[in-house]
PDB file of N, CA and C in Angstrom:
ATOM      1  N   MET A   1       2.396   7.081  12.209  1.00  0.00           N
ATOM      2  CA  MET A   1       2.274   8.174  11.278  1.00  0.00           C
ATOM      3  C   MET A   1       3.455   9.135  11.431  1.00  0.00           C
ATOM      4  N   GLU A   2       3.863   9.370  12.686  1.00  0.00           N
ATOM      5  CA  GLU A   2       4.975  10.294  12.912  1.00  0.00           C
ATOM      6  C   GLU A   2       6.251   9.809  12.232  1.00  0.00           C
ATOM      7  N   GLU A   3       6.491   8.501  12.271  1.00  0.00           N
ATOM      8  CA  GLU A   3       7.691   7.957  11.648  1.00  0.00           C
ATOM      9  C   GLU A   3       7.648   8.119  10.133  1.00  0.00           C
ATOM     10  N   ASN A   4       6.485   7.903   9.522  1.00  0.00           N
ATOM     11  CA  ASN A   4       6.357   8.114   8.083  1.00  0.00           C
ATOM     12  C   ASN A   4       6.627   9.565   7.723  1.00  0.00           C
ATOM     13  N   LEU A   5       6.065  10.488   8.470  1.00  0.00           N
ATOM     14  CA  LEU A   5       6.297  11.903   8.191  1.00  0.00           C
ATOM     15  C   LEU A   5       7.767  12.260   8.323  1.00  0.00           C
ATOM     16  N   LEU A   6       8.437  11.689   9.311  1.00  0.00           N
ATOM     17  CA  LEU A   6       9.871  11.929   9.485  1.00  0.00           C
ATOM     18  C   LEU A   6      10.643  11.392   8.282  1.00  0.00           C
ATOM     19  N   PHE A   7      10.355  10.164   7.869  1.00  0.00           N
ATOM     20  CA  PHE A   7      11.058   9.567   6.734  1.00  0.00           C
ATOM     21  C   PHE A   7      10.774  10.307   5.427  1.00  0.00           C
ATOM     22  N   TRP A   8       9.572  10.825   5.268  1.00  0.00           N
ATOM     23  CA  TRP A   8       9.213  11.515   4.024  1.00  0.00           C
ATOM     24  C   TRP A   8       9.797  12.917   3.945  1.00  0.00           C
ATOM     25  N   SER A   9      10.232  13.472   5.048  1.00  0.00           N
ATOM     26  CA  SER A   9      10.791  14.822   5.056  1.00  0.00           C
ATOM     27  C   SER A   9      12.107  14.843   4.273  1.00  0.00           C
ATOM     28  N   PRO A  10      12.238  15.757   3.316  1.00  0.00           N
ATOM     29  CA  PRO A  10      13.463  15.781   2.502  1.00  0.00           C
ATOM     30  C   PRO A  10      14.707  16.185   3.294  1.00  0.00           C
ATOM     31  N   ASP A  11      14.534  16.762   4.461  1.00  0.00           N
ATOM     32  CA  ASP A  11      15.671  17.229   5.252  1.00  0.00           C
ATOM     33  C   ASP A  11      16.153  16.219   6.294  1.00  0.00           C
ATOM     34  N   THR A  12      15.457  15.094   6.447  1.00  0.00           N
ATOM     35  CA  THR A  12      15.774  14.163   7.517  1.00  0.00           C
ATOM     36  C   THR A  12      17.035  13.344   7.248  1.00  0.00           C
ATOM     37  N   PHE A  13      17.109  12.686   6.116  1.00  0.00           N
ATOM     38  CA  PHE A  13      18.242  11.810   5.796  1.00  0.00           C
ATOM     39  C   PHE A  13      18.767  12.093   4.387  1.00  0.00           C
ATOM     40  N   PRO A  14      19.118  13.330   4.076  1.00  0.00           N
ATOM     41  CA  PRO A  14      19.504  13.636   2.684  1.00  0.00           C
ATOM     42  C   PRO A  14      20.730  12.837   2.241  1.00  0.00           C
ATOM     43  N   GLY A  15      20.541  12.045   1.200  1.00  0.00           N
ATOM     44  CA  GLY A  15      21.635  11.291   0.603  1.00  0.00           C
ATOM     45  C   GLY A  15      22.125  10.083   1.377  1.00  0.00           C
ATOM     46  N   LEU A  16      21.544   9.781   2.532  1.00  0.00           N
ATOM     47  CA  LEU A  16      22.027   8.654   3.325  1.00  0.00           C
ATOM     48  C   LEU A  16      21.366   7.328   2.966  1.00  0.00           C
ATOM     49  N   TYR A  17      20.097   7.381   2.560  1.00  0.00           N
ATOM     50  CA  TYR A  17      19.332   6.163   2.305  1.00  0.00           C
ATOM     51  C   TYR A  17      18.600   6.250   0.978  1.00  0.00           C
ATOM     52  N   MET A  18      18.113   5.099   0.505  1.00  0.00           N
ATOM     53  CA  MET A  18      17.225   5.108  -0.651  1.00  0.00           C
ATOM     54  C   MET A  18      15.984   5.909  -0.262  1.00  0.00           C
ATOM     55  N   PRO A  19      15.266   6.471  -1.241  1.00  0.00           N
ATOM     56  CA  PRO A  19      14.077   7.270  -0.919  1.00  0.00           C
ATOM     57  C   PRO A  19      13.016   6.470  -0.162  1.00  0.00           C
ATOM     58  N   PHE A  20      12.376   7.143   0.768  1.00  0.00           N
ATOM     59  CA  PHE A  20      11.288   6.539   1.546  1.00  0.00           C
ATOM     60  C   PHE A  20       9.916   6.936   0.996  1.00  0.00           C
ATOM     61  N   ASP A  21       9.879   7.877   0.070  1.00  0.00           N
ATOM     62  CA  ASP A  21       8.609   8.392  -0.463  1.00  0.00           C
ATOM     63  C   ASP A  21       7.652   7.309  -0.936  1.00  0.00           C
ATOM     64  N   PRO A  22       8.146   6.258  -1.621  1.00  0.00           N
ATOM     65  CA  PRO A  22       7.210   5.255  -2.136  1.00  0.00           C
ATOM     66  C   PRO A  22       6.640   4.316  -1.074  1.00  0.00           C
ATOM     67  N   LEU A  23       7.097   4.422   0.165  1.00  0.00           N
ATOM     68  CA  LEU A  23       6.716   3.451   1.192  1.00  0.00           C
ATOM     69  C   LEU A  23       5.820   4.054   2.265  1.00  0.00           C
ATOM     70  N   LEU A  24       4.918   3.229   2.780  1.00  0.00           N
ATOM     71  CA  LEU A  24       4.084   3.577   3.928  1.00  0.00           C
ATOM     72  C   LEU A  24       4.353   2.522   4.991  1.00  0.00           C
ATOM     73  N   PHE A  25       5.152   2.897   5.986  1.00  0.00           N
ATOM     74  CA  PHE A  25       5.526   1.956   7.047  1.00  0.00           C
ATOM     75  C   PHE A  25       4.363   1.729   8.001  1.00  0.00           C
ATOM     76  N   PHE A  26       4.198   0.476   8.428  1.00  0.00           N
ATOM     77  CA  PHE A  26       3.094   0.170   9.340  1.00  0.00           C
ATOM     78  C   PHE A  26       3.512  -0.697  10.523  1.00  0.00           C
ATOM     79  N   GLY A  27       4.734  -1.168  10.566  1.00  0.00           N
ATOM     80  CA  GLY A  27       5.148  -1.997  11.692  1.00  0.00           C
ATOM     81  C   GLY A  27       6.589  -2.423  11.556  1.00  0.00           C
ATOM     82  N   GLY A  28       7.055  -3.081  12.592  1.00  0.00           N
ATOM     83  CA  GLY A  28       8.439  -3.530  12.581  1.00  0.00           C
ATOM     84  C   GLY A  28       8.590  -4.881  13.246  1.00  0.00           C
ATOM     85  N   ASN A  29       9.805  -5.396  13.213  1.00  0.00           N
ATOM     86  CA  ASN A  29      10.073  -6.717  13.779  1.00  0.00           C
ATOM     87  C   ASN A  29      10.602  -6.643  15.208  1.00  0.00           C
ATOM     88  N   GLY A  30      10.722  -5.455  15.762  1.00  0.00           N
ATOM     89  CA  GLY A  30      11.237  -5.293  17.113  1.00  0.00           C
ATOM     90  C   GLY A  30      12.743  -5.157  17.166  1.00  0.00           C
ATOM     91  N   GLY A  31      13.409  -5.421  16.035  1.00  0.00           N
ATOM     92  CA  GLY A  31      14.862  -5.315  15.978  1.00  0.00           C
ATOM     93  C   GLY A  31      15.340  -4.199  15.071  1.00  0.00           C
ATOM     94  N   GLY A  32      14.420  -3.391  14.562  1.00  0.00           N
ATOM     95  CA  GLY A  32      14.791  -2.273  13.711  1.00  0.00           C
ATOM     96  C   GLY A  32      14.316  -2.373  12.278  1.00  0.00           C
ATOM     97  N   ASP A  33      14.046  -3.593  11.786  1.00  0.00           N
ATOM     98  CA  ASP A  33      13.531  -3.743  10.427  1.00  0.00           C
ATOM     99  C   ASP A  33      12.065  -3.314  10.417  1.00  0.00           C
ATOM    100  N   GLN A  34      11.648  -2.699   9.306  1.00  0.00           N
ATOM    101  CA  GLN A  34      10.309  -2.128   9.225  1.00  0.00           C
ATOM    102  C   GLN A  34       9.555  -2.664   8.016  1.00  0.00           C
ATOM    103  N   PHE A  35       8.259  -2.911   8.193  1.00  0.00           N
ATOM    104  CA  PHE A  35       7.391  -3.397   7.131  1.00  0.00           C
ATOM    105  C   PHE A  35       6.641  -2.227   6.519  1.00  0.00           C
ATOM    106  N   ALA A  36       6.444  -2.302   5.186  1.00  0.00           N
ATOM    107  CA  ALA A  36       5.812  -1.178   4.503  1.00  0.00           C
ATOM    108  C   ALA A  36       4.999  -1.634   3.302  1.00  0.00           C
ATOM    109  N   PHE A  37       3.926  -0.877   3.053  1.00  0.00           N
ATOM    110  CA  PHE A  37       3.181  -0.988   1.807  1.00  0.00           C
ATOM    111  C   PHE A  37       3.921  -0.152   0.770  1.00  0.00           C
ATOM    112  N   VAL A  38       3.772  -0.498  -0.498  1.00  0.00           N
ATOM    113  CA  VAL A  38       4.364   0.283  -1.577  1.00  0.00           C
ATOM    114  C   VAL A  38       3.279   1.193  -2.141  1.00  0.00           C
ATOM    115  N   LEU A  39       3.516   2.508  -2.068  1.00  0.00           N
ATOM    116  CA  LEU A  39       2.549   3.477  -2.562  1.00  0.00           C
ATOM    117  C   LEU A  39       2.771   3.817  -4.027  1.00  0.00           C
ATOM    118  N   THR A  40       4.048   3.870  -4.435  1.00  0.00           N
ATOM    119  CA  THR A  40       4.387   4.267  -5.797  1.00  0.00           C
ATOM    120  C   THR A  40       5.462   3.350  -6.340  1.00  0.00           C
ATOM    121  N   PRO A  41       5.217   2.605  -7.399  1.00  0.00           N
ATOM    122  CA  PRO A  41       3.913   2.429  -8.025  1.00  0.00           C
ATOM    123  C   PRO A  41       3.016   1.598  -7.114  1.00  0.00           C
ATOM    124  N   GLU A  42       1.742   1.931  -7.101  1.00  0.00           N
ATOM    125  CA  GLU A  42       0.810   1.250  -6.208  1.00  0.00           C
ATOM    126  C   GLU A  42       0.770  -0.236  -6.524  1.00  0.00           C
ATOM    127  N   ARG A  43       0.970  -1.023  -5.495  1.00  0.00           N
ATOM    128  CA  ARG A  43       0.932  -2.485  -5.623  1.00  0.00           C
ATOM    129  C   ARG A  43       0.599  -3.072  -4.265  1.00  0.00           C
ATOM    130  N   PRO A  44       0.045  -4.275  -4.217  1.00  0.00           N
ATOM    131  CA  PRO A  44      -0.386  -4.859  -2.949  1.00  0.00           C
ATOM    132  C   PRO A  44       0.745  -5.437  -2.103  1.00  0.00           C
ATOM    133  N   ASP A  45       1.924  -5.617  -2.691  1.00  0.00           N
ATOM    134  CA  ASP A  45       3.028  -6.267  -1.991  1.00  0.00           C
ATOM    135  C   ASP A  45       3.488  -5.489  -0.757  1.00  0.00           C
ATOM    136  N   ILE A  46       4.045  -6.248   0.174  1.00  0.00           N
ATOM    137  CA  ILE A  46       4.629  -5.664   1.381  1.00  0.00           C
ATOM    138  C   ILE A  46       6.118  -5.977   1.361  1.00  0.00           C
ATOM    139  N   PHE A  47       6.899  -4.963   1.657  1.00  0.00           N
ATOM    140  CA  PHE A  47       8.348  -5.099   1.712  1.00  0.00           C
ATOM    141  C   PHE A  47       8.823  -4.827   3.127  1.00  0.00           C
ATOM    142  N   VAL A  48      10.000  -5.310   3.427  1.00  0.00           N
ATOM    143  CA  VAL A  48      10.629  -5.022   4.709  1.00  0.00           C
ATOM    144  C   VAL A  48      11.912  -4.247   4.416  1.00  0.00           C
ATOM    145  N   ARG A  49      12.133  -3.196   5.169  1.00  0.00           N
ATOM    146  CA  ARG A  49      13.364  -2.424   5.061  1.00  0.00           C
ATOM    147  C   ARG A  49      14.321  -2.917   6.131  1.00  0.00           C
ATOM    148  N   ASP A  50      15.461  -3.426   5.689  1.00  0.00           N
ATOM    149  CA  ASP A  50      16.503  -3.867   6.612  1.00  0.00           C
ATOM    150  C   ASP A  50      17.248  -2.629   7.092  1.00  0.00           C
ATOM    151  N   HIS A  51      17.158  -2.353   8.379  1.00  0.00           N
ATOM    152  CA  HIS A  51      17.764  -1.137   8.913  1.00  0.00           C
ATOM    153  C   HIS A  51      19.285  -1.173   8.895  1.00  0.00           C
ATOM    154  N   GLY A  52      19.868  -2.365   8.801  1.00  0.00           N
ATOM    155  CA  GLY A  52      21.314  -2.490   8.815  1.00  0.00           C
ATOM    156  C   GLY A  52      21.984  -2.050   7.528  1.00  0.00           C
ATOM    157  N   ASN A  53      21.333  -2.329   6.394  1.00  0.00           N
ATOM    158  CA  ASN A  53      21.942  -1.979   5.111  1.00  0.00           C
ATOM    159  C   ASN A  53      21.008  -1.220   4.182  1.00  0.00           C
ATOM    160  N   ASP A  54      19.836  -0.840   4.663  1.00  0.00           N
ATOM    161  CA  ASP A  54      18.836  -0.074   3.920  1.00  0.00           C
ATOM    162  C   ASP A  54      18.285  -0.827   2.710  1.00  0.00           C
ATOM    163  N   SER A  55      18.428  -2.151   2.674  1.00  0.00           N
ATOM    164  CA  SER A  55      17.861  -2.902   1.554  1.00  0.00           C
ATOM    165  C   SER A  55      16.356  -3.044   1.746  1.00  0.00           C
ATOM    166  N   ARG A  56      15.659  -3.282   0.660  1.00  0.00           N
ATOM    167  CA  ARG A  56      14.211  -3.490   0.680  1.00  0.00           C
ATOM    168  C   ARG A  56      13.969  -4.899   0.173  1.00  0.00           C
ATOM    169  N   LEU A  57      13.416  -5.744   1.013  1.00  0.00           N
ATOM    170  CA  LEU A  57      13.167  -7.145   0.680  1.00  0.00           C
ATOM    171  C   LEU A  57      11.673  -7.406   0.559  1.00  0.00           C
ATOM    172  N   TRP A  58      11.286  -8.175  -0.443  1.00  0.00           N
ATOM    173  CA  TRP A  58       9.885  -8.562  -0.574  1.00  0.00           C
ATOM    174  C   TRP A  58       9.520  -9.463   0.596  1.00  0.00           C
ATOM    175  N   ALA A  59       8.343  -9.228   1.188  1.00  0.00           N
ATOM    176  CA  ALA A  59       7.926 -10.017   2.344  1.00  0.00           C
ATOM    177  C   ALA A  59       6.609 -10.760   2.123  1.00  0.00           C
ATOM    178  N   ALA A  60       5.672 -10.161   1.378  1.00  0.00           N
ATOM    179  CA  ALA A  60       4.360 -10.788   1.227  1.00  0.00           C
ATOM    180  C   ALA A  60       3.608 -10.205   0.037  1.00  0.00           C
ATOM    181  N   ARG A  61       2.605 -10.957  -0.434  1.00  0.00           N
ATOM    182  CA  ARG A  61       1.790 -10.539  -1.583  1.00  0.00           C
ATOM    183  C   ARG A  61       0.731  -9.504  -1.227  1.00  0.00           C
ATOM    184  N   GLY A  62       0.534  -9.258   0.017  1.00  0.00           N
ATOM    185  CA  GLY A  62      -0.468  -8.307   0.468  1.00  0.00           C
ATOM    186  C   GLY A  62      -0.665  -8.458   1.964  1.00  0.00           C
ATOM    187  N   LEU A  63      -1.605  -7.714   2.509  1.00  0.00           N
ATOM    188  CA  LEU A  63      -1.803  -7.720   3.955  1.00  0.00           C
ATOM    189  C   LEU A  63      -2.215  -9.094   4.480  1.00  0.00           C
ATOM    190  N   GLU A  64      -3.147  -9.749   3.802  1.00  0.00           N
ATOM    191  CA  GLU A  64      -3.588 -11.074   4.269  1.00  0.00           C
ATOM    192  C   GLU A  64      -2.427 -12.070   4.255  1.00  0.00           C
ATOM    193  N   ASP A  65      -1.643 -12.057   3.172  1.00  0.00           N
ATOM    194  CA  ASP A  65      -0.480 -12.938   3.076  1.00  0.00           C
ATOM    195  C   ASP A  65       0.540 -12.593   4.158  1.00  0.00           C
ATOM    196  N   TYR A  66       0.745 -11.313   4.396  1.00  0.00           N
ATOM    197  CA  TYR A  66       1.669 -10.873   5.459  1.00  0.00           C
ATOM    198  C   TYR A  66       1.235 -11.423   6.817  1.00  0.00           C
ATOM    199  N   LEU A  67      -0.053 -11.316   7.118  1.00  0.00           N
ATOM    200  CA  LEU A  67      -0.561 -11.808   8.406  1.00  0.00           C
ATOM    201  C   LEU A  67      -0.368 -13.316   8.538  1.00  0.00           C
ATOM    202  N   HIS A  68      -0.674 -14.051   7.485  1.00  0.00           N
ATOM    203  CA  HIS A  68      -0.478 -15.513   7.521  1.00  0.00           C
ATOM    204  C   HIS A  68       0.989 -15.863   7.744  1.00  0.00           C
ATOM    205  N   ARG A  69       1.870 -15.226   6.979  1.00  0.00           N
ATOM    206  CA  ARG A  69       3.298 -15.529   7.074  1.00  0.00           C
ATOM    207  C   ARG A  69       3.875 -15.123   8.430  1.00  0.00           C
ATOM    208  N   SER A  70       3.512 -13.935   8.902  1.00  0.00           N
ATOM    209  CA  SER A  70       4.098 -13.448  10.151  1.00  0.00           C
ATOM    210  C   SER A  70       3.576 -14.212  11.363  1.00  0.00           C
ATOM    211  N   LEU A  71       2.317 -14.604  11.350  1.00  0.00           N
ATOM    212  CA  LEU A  71       1.769 -15.343  12.480  1.00  0.00           C
ATOM    213  C   LEU A  71       2.239 -16.795  12.500  1.00  0.00           C
ATOM    214  N   ALA A  72       2.533 -17.343  11.325  1.00  0.00           N
ATOM    215  CA  ALA A  72       2.999 -18.733  11.249  1.00  0.00           C
ATOM    216  C   ALA A  72       4.503 -18.839  11.407  1.00  0.00           C
ATOM    217  N   GLY A  73       5.226 -17.737  11.143  1.00  0.00           N
ATOM    218  CA  GLY A  73       6.680 -17.772  11.181  1.00  0.00           C
ATOM    219  C   GLY A  73       7.227 -17.401  12.549  1.00  0.00           C
ATOM    220  N   ASP A  74       8.519 -17.533  12.649  1.00  0.00           N
ATOM    221  CA  ASP A  74       9.176 -17.110  13.876  1.00  0.00           C
ATOM    222  C   ASP A  74      10.471 -16.408  13.511  1.00  0.00           C
ATOM    223  N   GLY A  75      10.884 -15.488  14.333  1.00  0.00           N
ATOM    224  CA  GLY A  75      12.110 -14.747  14.054  1.00  0.00           C
ATOM    225  C   GLY A  75      11.981 -13.928  12.781  1.00  0.00           C
ATOM    226  N   ASP A  76      12.989 -13.993  11.957  1.00  0.00           N
ATOM    227  CA  ASP A  76      12.995 -13.250  10.703  1.00  0.00           C
ATOM    228  C   ASP A  76      12.415 -14.104   9.579  1.00  0.00           C
ATOM    229  N   TRP A  77      11.124 -14.391   9.648  1.00  0.00           N
ATOM    230  CA  TRP A  77      10.424 -15.264   8.710  1.00  0.00           C
ATOM    231  C   TRP A  77      10.511 -14.759   7.274  1.00  0.00           C
ATOM    232  N   TYR A  78      10.738 -13.504   7.058  1.00  0.00           N
ATOM    233  CA  TYR A  78      10.718 -12.896   5.726  1.00  0.00           C
ATOM    234  C   TYR A  78      12.057 -13.044   5.004  1.00  0.00           C
ATOM    235  N   ARG A  79      13.049 -13.589   5.614  1.00  0.00           N
ATOM    236  CA  ARG A  79      14.373 -13.732   4.971  1.00  0.00           C
ATOM    237  C   ARG A  79      14.479 -15.031   4.227  1.00  0.00           C
TER     238      ARG A  79
END
């Protein structure tokens, strides 16, 4: 929760990254990439934010799909 509040603060990263407002981060890959639900527009998909270039990549159709893919995959399964 603390990380989401930090990312949502307008004073944290002004002009450095794409907006974080539409995302709710819930986990990471251990290497800096972060997984998030999309809040606006509300949709079930999960995206991953690549910390190296700030891109947002589609990762799964929803939480159940994310769990299946992440538990069956290895390394950067979402790429």
